[in-house]
Protein backbone atom coordinates (compact mmCIF):
# COMPACT_ATOMS: atom_id res chain seq x y z
CA UNK A 1 113.83 95.52 115.92
CA UNK A 2 117.68 95.33 114.50
CA UNK A 3 118.00 91.13 113.33
CA UNK A 4 119.49 89.62 116.01
CA UNK A 5 123.20 88.47 116.16
CA UNK A 6 123.27 84.86 115.82
CA UNK A 7 120.48 85.59 112.93
CA UNK A 8 123.38 87.72 111.73
CA UNK A 9 125.72 85.97 111.40
CA UNK A 10 124.22 82.34 110.30
CA UNK A 11 123.03 84.22 106.77
CA UNK A 12 126.87 85.73 106.79
CA UNK A 13 128.24 81.77 106.92
CA UNK A 14 125.92 80.62 104.41
CA UNK A 15 126.30 83.58 101.95
CA UNK A 16 129.59 84.45 102.66
CA UNK A 17 132.52 84.13 99.71
CA UNK A 18 135.84 84.07 101.32
CA UNK A 19 135.78 84.25 105.35
CA UNK A 20 136.10 87.35 106.15
CA UNK A 21 133.58 88.35 103.56
CA UNK A 22 130.37 90.73 104.68
CA UNK A 23 130.20 92.35 102.10
CA UNK A 24 129.27 91.21 98.55
CA UNK A 25 126.63 91.64 97.47
CA UNK A 26 125.47 87.75 97.85
CA UNK A 27 125.57 88.77 101.28
CA UNK A 28 124.16 92.24 101.73
CA UNK A 29 120.80 90.15 99.93
CA UNK A 30 120.69 87.60 101.99
CA UNK A 31 120.89 90.11 104.58
CA UNK A 32 117.83 92.41 103.61
CA UNK A 33 116.04 89.40 102.93
CA UNK A 34 115.82 87.90 106.41
CA UNK A 35 114.99 91.08 107.55
CA UNK A 36 112.38 91.92 105.37
CA UNK A 37 110.97 88.58 106.08
CA UNK A 38 111.23 89.97 109.77
CA UNK A 39 109.48 92.92 109.31
CA UNK A 40 107.09 91.38 107.10
CA UNK A 41 105.83 89.77 110.54
CA UNK A 42 105.38 92.74 112.08
CA UNK A 43 103.63 94.65 110.12
CA UNK A 44 101.46 91.33 110.30
CA UNK A 45 100.39 91.62 113.85
CA UNK A 46 100.22 95.21 113.40
CA UNK A 47 99.11 97.03 110.88
CA UNK A 48 98.62 100.94 112.00
CA UNK A 49 102.63 100.71 112.23
CA UNK A 50 102.92 102.89 109.04
CA UNK A 51 106.97 103.77 109.98
CA UNK A 52 107.97 100.64 109.73
CA UNK A 53 106.30 100.09 106.41
CA UNK A 54 108.39 103.55 105.11
CA UNK A 55 110.95 101.14 106.82
CA UNK A 56 109.93 98.16 105.13
CA UNK A 57 109.70 99.98 101.31
CA UNK A 58 112.89 101.70 102.05
CA UNK A 59 115.22 97.42 102.41
CA UNK A 60 112.72 96.48 99.30
CA UNK A 61 113.97 99.12 97.57
CA UNK A 62 117.60 98.45 98.45
CA UNK A 63 117.43 95.07 97.80
CA UNK A 64 115.93 95.02 94.36
CA UNK A 65 118.56 97.49 93.17
CA UNK A 66 121.68 95.12 94.26
CA UNK A 67 120.41 92.41 92.99
CA UNK A 68 119.97 94.36 89.28
CA UNK A 69 123.83 95.38 90.00
CA UNK A 70 124.45 91.50 90.47
CA UNK A 71 121.76 90.23 87.80
CA UNK A 72 124.18 92.94 85.45
CA UNK A 73 127.67 92.09 86.97
CA UNK A 74 127.87 88.29 87.36
CA UNK A 75 124.38 86.37 85.90
CA UNK A 76 125.32 83.50 87.56
CA UNK A 77 126.10 84.54 91.47
CA UNK A 78 122.22 85.84 90.54
CA UNK A 79 120.91 83.44 89.26
CA UNK A 80 122.76 80.94 92.87
CA UNK A 81 121.37 83.65 94.74
CA UNK A 82 117.96 84.45 92.90
CA UNK A 83 117.16 80.86 93.95
CA UNK A 84 118.49 79.80 97.34
CA UNK A 85 116.15 83.00 99.05
CA UNK A 86 112.91 81.69 96.68
CA UNK A 87 112.40 84.83 95.18
CA UNK A 88 111.15 85.87 91.84
CA UNK A 89 112.69 86.66 89.14
CA UNK A 90 112.07 88.84 86.30
């Protein structure tokens, strides 16, 4: 279940640094967060879907690594992203 093109485009537009930015850590974290929310809803309805659960855990780990990188390289951007996406930070 990939993200719908409209949802992904809107997420990129909300978090991009410039017009053609699709790969900055902020954009990647926002896309992963949207995908994680979608998979979480799916798993609430389909509790036995173990392959989906594994994919969800991989996405959470990838987002965690990107957040760590962003925190180390640009702390102000890290604070902005976590605030806008309502993510807990440690």
